[in-house]
Amino acid sequence: MFLDIICLIAVIFAIIKGARDGFFISVVSFLSLFIGIIGALKFSNIIKEFLMNSLGWESPSIPLLAFVLAFVLAVLAARFIAQLATKFVQAVFLGLFNRLFGAVFQILIVILVGSIFLSIFDEVNAIFKFVSHETLMNSTSYKIYVSLSESVLPSLYDLVKSLFSKSIDMIQDIKEPETI
């Protein structure tokens, strides 16, 4: 029941955020980390050369500064383009669709993130028994999230299981010193 309430609050928050921000802003917000990293990898050398040649800066931290600047500039550029797209959509009177698709996209993000977290929780709970199996099966949202993570995200679910089992094996190897 508690998990269902948390999931309901997350979905309501997603609907409000998606309706407020719209589709384009929601997508760019979700992808901004990836856009920033790609932009930083692509343009950090250009910024580094500019800082070193044009401004005459000499420091071992210039590559890091260039990467951070390129990251921030890429995220800001992506957000600016998303805002322009939103203004265009509003200008042609499609604002309602923008808000509706924004809400749907945010709900999908909540479901994706929730499925990932509950898949991880399921693996941890199988070992440490934080919550009984009966309690989890009484939760409507738990059953939905787990079935989605197993059917829609099977490769991600298998990856989480394999990474978790490898990390448990590593922890056990650390705990048990080898005898010579």
N, C-alpha and C. Protein backbone atom coordinates (compact mmCIF):
# COMPACT_ATOMS: atom_id res chain seq x y z
N MET A 1 0.83 -1.19 0.00
CA MET A 1 0.00 0.00 0.00
C MET A 1 0.87 1.25 0.00
N PHE A 2 1.92 1.27 0.82
CA PHE A 2 2.82 2.42 0.89
C PHE A 2 3.50 2.65 -0.45
N LEU A 3 3.93 1.56 -1.09
CA LEU A 3 4.57 1.65 -2.40
C LEU A 3 3.59 2.19 -3.44
N ASP A 4 2.34 1.77 -3.37
CA ASP A 4 1.33 2.26 -4.30
C ASP A 4 1.12 3.76 -4.16
N ILE A 5 1.13 4.25 -2.93
CA ILE A 5 0.97 5.69 -2.69
C ILE A 5 2.15 6.46 -3.25
N ILE A 6 3.36 5.96 -3.03
CA ILE A 6 4.56 6.62 -3.57
C ILE A 6 4.50 6.65 -5.10
N CYS A 7 4.12 5.54 -5.71
CA CYS A 7 4.03 5.48 -7.18
C CYS A 7 2.95 6.42 -7.71
N LEU A 8 1.83 6.50 -7.01
CA LEU A 8 0.76 7.42 -7.42
C LEU A 8 1.23 8.87 -7.33
N ILE A 9 1.93 9.21 -6.27
CA ILE A 9 2.47 10.57 -6.13
C ILE A 9 3.46 10.86 -7.25
N ALA A 10 4.30 9.89 -7.59
CA ALA A 10 5.28 10.08 -8.68
C ALA A 10 4.58 10.29 -10.02
N VAL A 11 3.52 9.54 -10.28
CA VAL A 11 2.78 9.70 -11.54
C VAL A 11 2.07 11.05 -11.58
N ILE A 12 1.47 11.47 -10.48
CA ILE A 12 0.81 12.78 -10.43
C ILE A 12 1.83 13.89 -10.65
N PHE A 13 2.98 13.78 -10.01
CA PHE A 13 4.05 14.76 -10.21
C PHE A 13 4.48 14.78 -11.67
N ALA A 14 4.60 13.61 -12.30
CA ALA A 14 5.00 13.53 -13.71
C ALA A 14 3.97 14.19 -14.61
N ILE A 15 2.70 13.98 -14.33
CA ILE A 15 1.65 14.60 -15.14
C ILE A 15 1.73 16.12 -15.03
N ILE A 16 1.87 16.62 -13.82
CA ILE A 16 1.95 18.07 -13.61
C ILE A 16 3.19 18.64 -14.28
N LYS A 17 4.32 17.99 -14.08
CA LYS A 17 5.57 18.48 -14.67
C LYS A 17 5.52 18.43 -16.19
N GLY A 18 5.02 17.35 -16.74
CA GLY A 18 4.92 17.22 -18.20
C GLY A 18 3.96 18.21 -18.81
N ALA A 19 2.82 18.44 -18.14
CA ALA A 19 1.85 19.41 -18.65
C ALA A 19 2.40 20.83 -18.55
N ARG A 20 3.17 21.10 -17.51
CA ARG A 20 3.75 22.43 -17.34
C ARG A 20 4.88 22.68 -18.34
N ASP A 21 5.78 21.71 -18.49
CA ASP A 21 6.95 21.90 -19.34
C ASP A 21 6.66 21.66 -20.81
N GLY A 22 5.78 20.73 -21.12
CA GLY A 22 5.52 20.38 -22.50
C GLY A 22 6.46 19.28 -22.96
N PHE A 23 6.19 18.79 -24.16
CA PHE A 23 6.92 17.63 -24.70
C PHE A 23 8.38 17.94 -24.96
N PHE A 24 8.66 19.04 -25.67
CA PHE A 24 10.03 19.32 -26.08
C PHE A 24 10.94 19.56 -24.88
N ILE A 25 10.47 20.34 -23.92
CA ILE A 25 11.28 20.61 -22.73
C ILE A 25 11.47 19.31 -21.93
N SER A 26 10.44 18.48 -21.85
CA SER A 26 10.54 17.21 -21.12
C SER A 26 11.58 16.29 -21.75
N VAL A 27 11.55 16.19 -23.07
CA VAL A 27 12.50 15.31 -23.76
C VAL A 27 13.93 15.82 -23.57
N VAL A 28 14.12 17.13 -23.75
CA VAL A 28 15.47 17.69 -23.61
C VAL A 28 15.94 17.59 -22.16
N SER A 29 15.05 17.78 -21.21
CA SER A 29 15.45 17.63 -19.80
C SER A 29 15.93 16.21 -19.53
N PHE A 30 15.22 15.24 -20.08
CA PHE A 30 15.59 13.84 -19.90
C PHE A 30 16.92 13.53 -20.59
N LEU A 31 17.10 14.07 -21.78
CA LEU A 31 18.29 13.76 -22.57
C LEU A 31 19.44 14.73 -22.35
N SER A 32 19.25 15.74 -21.52
CA SER A 32 20.27 16.79 -21.39
C SER A 32 21.62 16.26 -20.89
N LEU A 33 21.61 15.27 -20.04
CA LEU A 33 22.87 14.68 -19.58
C LEU A 33 23.63 14.07 -20.75
N PHE A 34 22.92 13.31 -21.59
CA PHE A 34 23.56 12.70 -22.75
C PHE A 34 23.99 13.75 -23.77
N ILE A 35 23.13 14.74 -23.99
CA ILE A 35 23.47 15.82 -24.92
C ILE A 35 24.70 16.57 -24.42
N GLY A 36 24.75 16.84 -23.13
CA GLY A 36 25.89 17.54 -22.55
C GLY A 36 27.18 16.76 -22.68
N ILE A 37 27.12 15.46 -22.42
CA ILE A 37 28.33 14.63 -22.53
C ILE A 37 28.81 14.55 -23.97
N ILE A 38 27.88 14.33 -24.90
CA ILE A 38 28.27 14.26 -26.31
C ILE A 38 28.84 15.59 -26.77
N GLY A 39 28.17 16.70 -26.39
CA GLY A 39 28.67 18.02 -26.76
C GLY A 39 30.03 18.30 -26.15
N ALA A 40 30.22 17.89 -24.91
CA ALA A 40 31.51 18.11 -24.25
C ALA A 40 32.62 17.30 -24.92
N LEU A 41 32.32 16.06 -25.26
CA LEU A 41 33.32 15.24 -25.94
C LEU A 41 33.66 15.79 -27.32
N LYS A 42 32.64 16.32 -27.98
CA LYS A 42 32.83 16.81 -29.35
C LYS A 42 33.56 18.16 -29.38
N PHE A 43 33.25 19.06 -28.44
CA PHE A 43 33.73 20.43 -28.53
C PHE A 43 34.74 20.85 -27.47
N SER A 44 35.08 19.97 -26.53
CA SER A 44 36.00 20.38 -25.47
C SER A 44 37.39 20.69 -26.00
N ASN A 45 37.84 19.98 -27.04
CA ASN A 45 39.15 20.28 -27.62
C ASN A 45 39.17 21.66 -28.26
N ILE A 46 38.08 22.04 -28.90
CA ILE A 46 38.00 23.37 -29.52
C ILE A 46 38.07 24.45 -28.44
N ILE A 47 37.33 24.25 -27.37
CA ILE A 47 37.35 25.23 -26.27
C ILE A 47 38.72 25.25 -25.60
N LYS A 48 39.33 24.09 -25.44
CA LYS A 48 40.67 24.03 -24.85
C LYS A 48 41.67 24.81 -25.69
N GLU A 49 41.63 24.61 -27.01
CA GLU A 49 42.53 25.35 -27.90
C GLU A 49 42.28 26.85 -27.83
N PHE A 50 41.01 27.23 -27.75
CA PHE A 50 40.67 28.65 -27.64
C PHE A 50 41.22 29.24 -26.35
N LEU A 51 41.02 28.54 -25.25
CA LEU A 51 41.51 29.04 -23.96
C LEU A 51 43.03 29.15 -23.94
N MET A 52 43.69 28.19 -24.55
CA MET A 52 45.16 28.19 -24.52
C MET A 52 45.75 29.20 -25.52
N ASN A 53 45.22 29.24 -26.74
CA ASN A 53 45.81 30.09 -27.78
C ASN A 53 45.32 31.53 -27.71
N SER A 54 44.02 31.73 -27.62
CA SER A 54 43.47 33.09 -27.67
C SER A 54 43.64 33.83 -26.35
N LEU A 55 43.43 33.14 -25.25
CA LEU A 55 43.51 33.80 -23.95
C LEU A 55 44.87 33.59 -23.29
N GLY A 56 45.67 32.71 -23.82
CA GLY A 56 47.00 32.48 -23.28
C GLY A 56 47.03 31.77 -21.94
N TRP A 57 45.99 31.01 -21.64
CA TRP A 57 45.95 30.30 -20.36
C TRP A 57 46.83 29.07 -20.45
N GLU A 58 47.61 28.86 -19.43
CA GLU A 58 48.47 27.67 -19.33
C GLU A 58 48.24 27.04 -17.97
N SER A 59 47.59 25.90 -17.95
CA SER A 59 47.32 25.21 -16.70
C SER A 59 47.02 23.75 -17.00
N PRO A 60 47.39 22.86 -16.10
CA PRO A 60 47.06 21.45 -16.33
C PRO A 60 45.55 21.18 -16.19
N SER A 61 44.81 22.12 -15.62
CA SER A 61 43.37 21.92 -15.45
C SER A 61 42.55 22.46 -16.63
N ILE A 62 43.21 22.97 -17.66
CA ILE A 62 42.50 23.51 -18.82
C ILE A 62 41.61 22.45 -19.49
N PRO A 63 42.06 21.20 -19.70
CA PRO A 63 41.17 20.21 -20.33
C PRO A 63 39.88 19.97 -19.52
N LEU A 64 40.00 19.93 -18.20
CA LEU A 64 38.81 19.75 -17.36
C LEU A 64 37.88 20.95 -17.47
N LEU A 65 38.44 22.15 -17.40
CA LEU A 65 37.65 23.37 -17.54
C LEU A 65 36.96 23.41 -18.90
N ALA A 66 37.68 23.04 -19.95
CA ALA A 66 37.10 23.02 -21.30
C ALA A 66 35.96 22.02 -21.39
N PHE A 67 36.12 20.86 -20.76
CA PHE A 67 35.07 19.84 -20.78
C PHE A 67 33.82 20.36 -20.07
N VAL A 68 34.00 20.96 -18.90
CA VAL A 68 32.86 21.49 -18.13
C VAL A 68 32.16 22.60 -18.92
N LEU A 69 32.94 23.51 -19.50
CA LEU A 69 32.34 24.59 -20.30
C LEU A 69 31.57 24.04 -21.49
N ALA A 70 32.15 23.07 -22.19
CA ALA A 70 31.47 22.48 -23.34
C ALA A 70 30.20 21.75 -22.91
N PHE A 71 30.25 21.08 -21.77
CA PHE A 71 29.07 20.39 -21.24
C PHE A 71 27.94 21.38 -20.97
N VAL A 72 28.26 22.45 -20.25
CA VAL A 72 27.25 23.46 -19.89
C VAL A 72 26.70 24.12 -21.15
N LEU A 73 27.57 24.48 -22.08
CA LEU A 73 27.11 25.12 -23.31
C LEU A 73 26.22 24.20 -24.14
N ALA A 74 26.54 22.91 -24.20
CA ALA A 74 25.72 21.96 -24.95
C ALA A 74 24.34 21.81 -24.32
N VAL A 75 24.29 21.73 -23.00
CA VAL A 75 22.99 21.61 -22.31
C VAL A 75 22.17 22.88 -22.52
N LEU A 76 22.80 24.04 -22.38
CA LEU A 76 22.09 25.31 -22.59
C LEU A 76 21.60 25.44 -24.03
N ALA A 77 22.40 25.04 -24.99
CA ALA A 77 21.99 25.10 -26.40
C ALA A 77 20.79 24.18 -26.65
N ALA A 78 20.82 22.98 -26.08
CA ALA A 78 19.71 22.04 -26.26
C ALA A 78 18.44 22.59 -25.63
N ARG A 79 18.55 23.18 -24.46
CA ARG A 79 17.37 23.77 -23.80
C ARG A 79 16.83 24.95 -24.61
N PHE A 80 17.73 25.76 -25.16
CA PHE A 80 17.31 26.91 -25.97
C PHE A 80 16.54 26.44 -27.20
N ILE A 81 17.05 25.41 -27.87
CA ILE A 81 16.37 24.86 -29.05
C ILE A 81 15.01 24.29 -28.66
N ALA A 82 14.93 23.62 -27.51
CA ALA A 82 13.66 23.07 -27.04
C ALA A 82 12.67 24.19 -26.75
N GLN A 83 13.14 25.29 -26.16
CA GLN A 83 12.25 26.41 -25.89
C GLN A 83 11.77 27.04 -27.19
N LEU A 84 12.64 27.14 -28.19
CA LEU A 84 12.21 27.66 -29.50
C LEU A 84 11.15 26.75 -30.12
N ALA A 85 11.36 25.44 -30.04
CA ALA A 85 10.38 24.50 -30.58
C ALA A 85 9.05 24.62 -29.84
N THR A 86 9.11 24.81 -28.53
CA THR A 86 7.90 24.98 -27.74
C THR A 86 7.17 26.25 -28.16
N LYS A 87 7.89 27.34 -28.34
CA LYS A 87 7.28 28.61 -28.78
C LYS A 87 6.63 28.44 -30.14
N PHE A 88 7.29 27.72 -31.04
CA PHE A 88 6.73 27.48 -32.37
C PHE A 88 5.43 26.69 -32.27
N VAL A 89 5.44 25.64 -31.47
CA VAL A 89 4.25 24.80 -31.31
C VAL A 89 3.11 25.62 -30.71
N GLN A 90 3.42 26.49 -29.76
CA GLN A 90 2.38 27.34 -29.18
C GLN A 90 1.88 28.35 -30.20
N ALA A 91 2.76 28.84 -31.06
CA ALA A 91 2.37 29.84 -32.06
C ALA A 91 1.39 29.26 -33.08
N VAL A 92 1.52 27.97 -33.37
CA VAL A 92 0.58 27.36 -34.32
C VAL A 92 -0.56 26.66 -33.58
N PHE A 93 -0.78 27.07 -32.35
CA PHE A 93 -1.92 26.62 -31.54
C PHE A 93 -1.94 25.11 -31.30
N LEU A 94 -0.77 24.54 -31.09
CA LEU A 94 -0.68 23.13 -30.73
C LEU A 94 -0.18 22.96 -29.29
N GLY A 95 -0.34 24.01 -28.49
CA GLY A 95 0.13 23.98 -27.11
C GLY A 95 -0.50 22.88 -26.29
N LEU A 96 -1.79 22.61 -26.54
CA LEU A 96 -2.48 21.55 -25.81
C LEU A 96 -1.83 20.19 -26.09
N PHE A 97 -1.50 19.92 -27.36
CA PHE A 97 -0.85 18.66 -27.70
C PHE A 97 0.55 18.59 -27.10
N ASN A 98 1.25 19.71 -27.09
CA ASN A 98 2.58 19.77 -26.49
C ASN A 98 2.50 19.40 -25.02
N ARG A 99 1.54 19.96 -24.31
CA ARG A 99 1.38 19.67 -22.89
C ARG A 99 0.93 18.23 -22.66
N LEU A 100 0.01 17.76 -23.49
CA LEU A 100 -0.48 16.39 -23.36
C LEU A 100 0.65 15.38 -23.59
N PHE A 101 1.40 15.56 -24.67
CA PHE A 101 2.52 14.65 -24.95
C PHE A 101 3.63 14.79 -23.91
N GLY A 102 3.79 16.00 -23.37
CA GLY A 102 4.75 16.19 -22.28
C GLY A 102 4.37 15.38 -21.06
N ALA A 103 3.07 15.39 -20.72
CA ALA A 103 2.60 14.61 -19.57
C ALA A 103 2.79 13.12 -19.81
N VAL A 104 2.46 12.66 -21.02
CA VAL A 104 2.63 11.24 -21.35
C VAL A 104 4.11 10.85 -21.29
N PHE A 105 4.98 11.70 -21.83
CA PHE A 105 6.41 11.41 -21.81
C PHE A 105 6.93 11.33 -20.37
N GLN A 106 6.51 12.25 -19.52
CA GLN A 106 6.95 12.23 -18.12
C GLN A 106 6.45 10.97 -17.41
N ILE A 107 5.23 10.53 -17.71
CA ILE A 107 4.72 9.29 -17.12
C ILE A 107 5.59 8.11 -17.56
N LEU A 108 5.97 8.08 -18.84
CA LEU A 108 6.83 7.01 -19.33
C LEU A 108 8.19 7.02 -18.63
N ILE A 109 8.72 8.21 -18.36
CA ILE A 109 9.99 8.31 -17.64
C ILE A 109 9.84 7.76 -16.23
N VAL A 110 8.74 8.12 -15.55
CA VAL A 110 8.50 7.62 -14.19
C VAL A 110 8.39 6.09 -14.21
N ILE A 111 7.70 5.56 -15.20
CA ILE A 111 7.56 4.10 -15.29
C ILE A 111 8.92 3.45 -15.56
N LEU A 112 9.70 4.04 -16.46
CA LEU A 112 11.03 3.49 -16.76
C LEU A 112 11.92 3.51 -15.53
N VAL A 113 12.02 4.66 -14.88
CA VAL A 113 12.88 4.79 -13.70
C VAL A 113 12.36 3.91 -12.56
N GLY A 114 11.04 3.89 -12.38
CA GLY A 114 10.46 3.04 -11.35
C GLY A 114 10.73 1.57 -11.60
N SER A 115 10.64 1.15 -12.86
CA SER A 115 10.93 -0.25 -13.19
C SER A 115 12.38 -0.60 -12.89
N ILE A 116 13.27 0.32 -13.21
CA ILE A 116 14.69 0.07 -12.93
C ILE A 116 14.93 -0.03 -11.43
N PHE A 117 14.40 0.94 -10.67
CA PHE A 117 14.60 0.92 -9.21
C PHE A 117 13.97 -0.32 -8.58
N LEU A 118 12.77 -0.68 -9.01
CA LEU A 118 12.13 -1.84 -8.40
C LEU A 118 12.80 -3.15 -8.83
N SER A 119 13.39 -3.18 -10.00
CA SER A 119 14.16 -4.37 -10.39
C SER A 119 15.37 -4.53 -9.49
N ILE A 120 16.04 -3.42 -9.24
CA ILE A 120 17.19 -3.45 -8.33
C ILE A 120 16.74 -3.82 -6.92
N PHE A 121 15.63 -3.20 -6.47
CA PHE A 121 15.11 -3.50 -5.14
C PHE A 121 14.74 -4.98 -5.02
N ASP A 122 14.16 -5.53 -6.08
CA ASP A 122 13.77 -6.93 -6.07
C ASP A 122 14.98 -7.84 -5.86
N GLU A 123 16.09 -7.51 -6.51
CA GLU A 123 17.30 -8.31 -6.34
C GLU A 123 17.88 -8.16 -4.92
N VAL A 124 17.88 -6.94 -4.40
CA VAL A 124 18.38 -6.71 -3.05
C VAL A 124 17.47 -7.38 -2.03
N ASN A 125 16.17 -7.26 -2.23
CA ASN A 125 15.20 -7.83 -1.31
C ASN A 125 15.25 -9.36 -1.31
N ALA A 126 15.64 -9.97 -2.41
CA ALA A 126 15.76 -11.43 -2.46
C ALA A 126 16.84 -11.92 -1.51
N ILE A 127 17.84 -11.09 -1.25
CA ILE A 127 18.93 -11.49 -0.36
C ILE A 127 18.68 -11.03 1.08
N PHE A 128 18.30 -9.78 1.24
CA PHE A 128 18.22 -9.20 2.59
C PHE A 128 16.82 -9.21 3.20
N LYS A 129 15.80 -9.53 2.45
CA LYS A 129 14.41 -9.65 2.93
C LYS A 129 13.94 -8.41 3.72
N PHE A 130 13.98 -7.25 3.06
CA PHE A 130 13.46 -6.02 3.68
C PHE A 130 11.94 -6.07 3.77
N VAL A 131 11.32 -6.59 2.71
CA VAL A 131 9.86 -6.64 2.62
C VAL A 131 9.47 -8.06 2.25
N SER A 132 8.41 -8.57 2.89
CA SER A 132 7.99 -9.94 2.60
C SER A 132 7.40 -10.03 1.18
N HIS A 133 7.47 -11.23 0.62
CA HIS A 133 6.96 -11.47 -0.72
C HIS A 133 5.45 -11.21 -0.78
N GLU A 134 4.73 -11.57 0.28
CA GLU A 134 3.28 -11.35 0.31
C GLU A 134 2.94 -9.86 0.27
N THR A 135 3.70 -9.06 1.00
CA THR A 135 3.47 -7.61 1.00
C THR A 135 3.69 -7.05 -0.40
N LEU A 136 4.74 -7.49 -1.06
CA LEU A 136 5.02 -7.01 -2.41
C LEU A 136 3.92 -7.44 -3.38
N MET A 137 3.43 -8.65 -3.25
CA MET A 137 2.39 -9.13 -4.16
C MET A 137 1.05 -8.45 -3.91
N ASN A 138 0.86 -7.88 -2.72
CA ASN A 138 -0.36 -7.12 -2.44
C ASN A 138 -0.30 -5.72 -3.04
N SER A 139 0.86 -5.29 -3.46
CA SER A 139 1.03 -3.96 -4.05
C SER A 139 0.73 -4.03 -5.55
N THR A 140 -0.24 -3.27 -5.98
CA THR A 140 -0.61 -3.22 -7.40
C THR A 140 0.52 -2.65 -8.23
N SER A 141 1.11 -1.56 -7.77
CA SER A 141 2.16 -0.91 -8.56
C SER A 141 3.41 -1.79 -8.67
N TYR A 142 3.73 -2.55 -7.64
CA TYR A 142 4.90 -3.43 -7.69
C TYR A 142 4.72 -4.46 -8.80
N LYS A 143 3.55 -5.07 -8.86
CA LYS A 143 3.30 -6.08 -9.90
C LYS A 143 3.39 -5.46 -11.29
N ILE A 144 2.87 -4.26 -11.44
CA ILE A 144 2.92 -3.58 -12.75
C ILE A 144 4.35 -3.26 -13.13
N TYR A 145 5.09 -2.67 -12.19
CA TYR A 145 6.48 -2.29 -12.48
C TYR A 145 7.35 -3.50 -12.80
N VAL A 146 7.22 -4.55 -12.03
CA VAL A 146 8.05 -5.74 -12.26
C VAL A 146 7.70 -6.39 -13.59
N SER A 147 6.40 -6.49 -13.90
CA SER A 147 6.03 -7.10 -15.18
C SER A 147 6.52 -6.24 -16.34
N LEU A 148 6.47 -4.92 -16.20
CA LEU A 148 6.99 -4.05 -17.25
C LEU A 148 8.50 -4.20 -17.39
N SER A 149 9.19 -4.25 -16.27
CA SER A 149 10.65 -4.35 -16.35
C SER A 149 11.07 -5.69 -16.92
N GLU A 150 10.29 -6.73 -16.70
CA GLU A 150 10.64 -8.04 -17.25
C GLU A 150 10.25 -8.18 -18.71
N SER A 151 9.16 -7.51 -19.13
CA SER A 151 8.71 -7.68 -20.52
C SER A 151 9.23 -6.58 -21.44
N VAL A 152 9.18 -5.33 -21.01
CA VAL A 152 9.60 -4.22 -21.87
C VAL A 152 11.11 -4.05 -21.84
N LEU A 153 11.70 -4.30 -20.71
CA LEU A 153 13.14 -4.08 -20.56
C LEU A 153 13.88 -5.37 -20.21
N PRO A 154 13.71 -6.43 -20.98
CA PRO A 154 14.34 -7.69 -20.57
C PRO A 154 15.85 -7.63 -20.53
N SER A 155 16.45 -6.96 -21.48
CA SER A 155 17.91 -6.91 -21.47
C SER A 155 18.41 -6.09 -20.29
N LEU A 156 17.70 -5.02 -19.95
CA LEU A 156 18.09 -4.22 -18.80
C LEU A 156 17.89 -5.01 -17.51
N TYR A 157 16.80 -5.76 -17.44
CA TYR A 157 16.53 -6.58 -16.27
C TYR A 157 17.63 -7.63 -16.09
N ASP A 158 18.02 -8.29 -17.19
CA ASP A 158 19.10 -9.29 -17.11
C ASP A 158 20.42 -8.64 -16.74
N LEU A 159 20.67 -7.43 -17.26
CA LEU A 159 21.90 -6.72 -16.93
C LEU A 159 21.96 -6.41 -15.45
N VAL A 160 20.84 -5.92 -14.89
CA VAL A 160 20.79 -5.60 -13.47
C VAL A 160 21.04 -6.87 -12.65
N LYS A 161 20.40 -7.97 -13.03
CA LYS A 161 20.61 -9.23 -12.31
C LYS A 161 22.07 -9.67 -12.37
N SER A 162 22.67 -9.60 -13.55
CA SER A 162 24.05 -10.07 -13.68
C SER A 162 25.02 -9.16 -12.95
N LEU A 163 24.82 -7.84 -13.05
CA LEU A 163 25.70 -6.92 -12.33
C LEU A 163 25.57 -7.10 -10.82
N PHE A 164 24.33 -7.30 -10.36
CA PHE A 164 24.12 -7.47 -8.93
C PHE A 164 24.78 -8.75 -8.44
N SER A 165 24.62 -9.84 -9.18
CA SER A 165 25.24 -11.10 -8.73
C SER A 165 26.76 -11.00 -8.76
N LYS A 166 27.31 -10.30 -9.75
CA LYS A 166 28.77 -10.12 -9.80
C LYS A 166 29.25 -9.27 -8.63
N SER A 167 28.48 -8.23 -8.29
CA SER A 167 28.91 -7.38 -7.17
C SER A 167 28.81 -8.13 -5.85
N ILE A 168 27.81 -8.98 -5.68
CA ILE A 168 27.70 -9.79 -4.47
C ILE A 168 28.88 -10.75 -4.39
N ASP A 169 29.25 -11.38 -5.52
CA ASP A 169 30.40 -12.27 -5.54
C ASP A 169 31.68 -11.52 -5.18
N MET A 170 31.83 -10.30 -5.69
CA MET A 170 33.01 -9.50 -5.38
C MET A 170 33.07 -9.17 -3.89
N ILE A 171 31.91 -8.80 -3.32
CA ILE A 171 31.87 -8.46 -1.89
C ILE A 171 32.21 -9.69 -1.06
N GLN A 172 31.70 -10.85 -1.44
CA GLN A 172 32.00 -12.06 -0.70
C GLN A 172 33.47 -12.44 -0.82
N ASP A 173 34.07 -12.21 -1.99
CA ASP A 173 35.50 -12.48 -2.15
C ASP A 173 36.33 -11.57 -1.26
N ILE A 174 35.89 -10.33 -1.10
CA ILE A 174 36.61 -9.40 -0.23
C ILE A 174 36.48 -9.83 1.22
N LYS A 175 35.29 -10.28 1.62
CA LYS A 175 35.05 -10.68 3.01
C LYS A 175 35.83 -11.94 3.38
N GLU A 176 35.97 -12.86 2.43
CA GLU A 176 36.63 -14.13 2.71
C GLU A 176 38.06 -14.08 2.20
N PRO A 177 39.02 -13.84 3.08
CA PRO A 177 40.41 -13.78 2.63
C PRO A 177 40.88 -15.15 2.16
N GLU A 178 41.70 -15.12 1.15
CA GLU A 178 42.21 -16.37 0.60
C GLU A 178 43.22 -17.00 1.57
N THR A 179 43.14 -18.30 1.67
CA THR A 179 44.12 -19.01 2.50
C THR A 179 45.20 -19.57 1.58
N ILE A 180 46.41 -19.43 2.02
CA ILE A 180 47.54 -19.86 1.19
C ILE A 180 48.02 -21.21 1.63
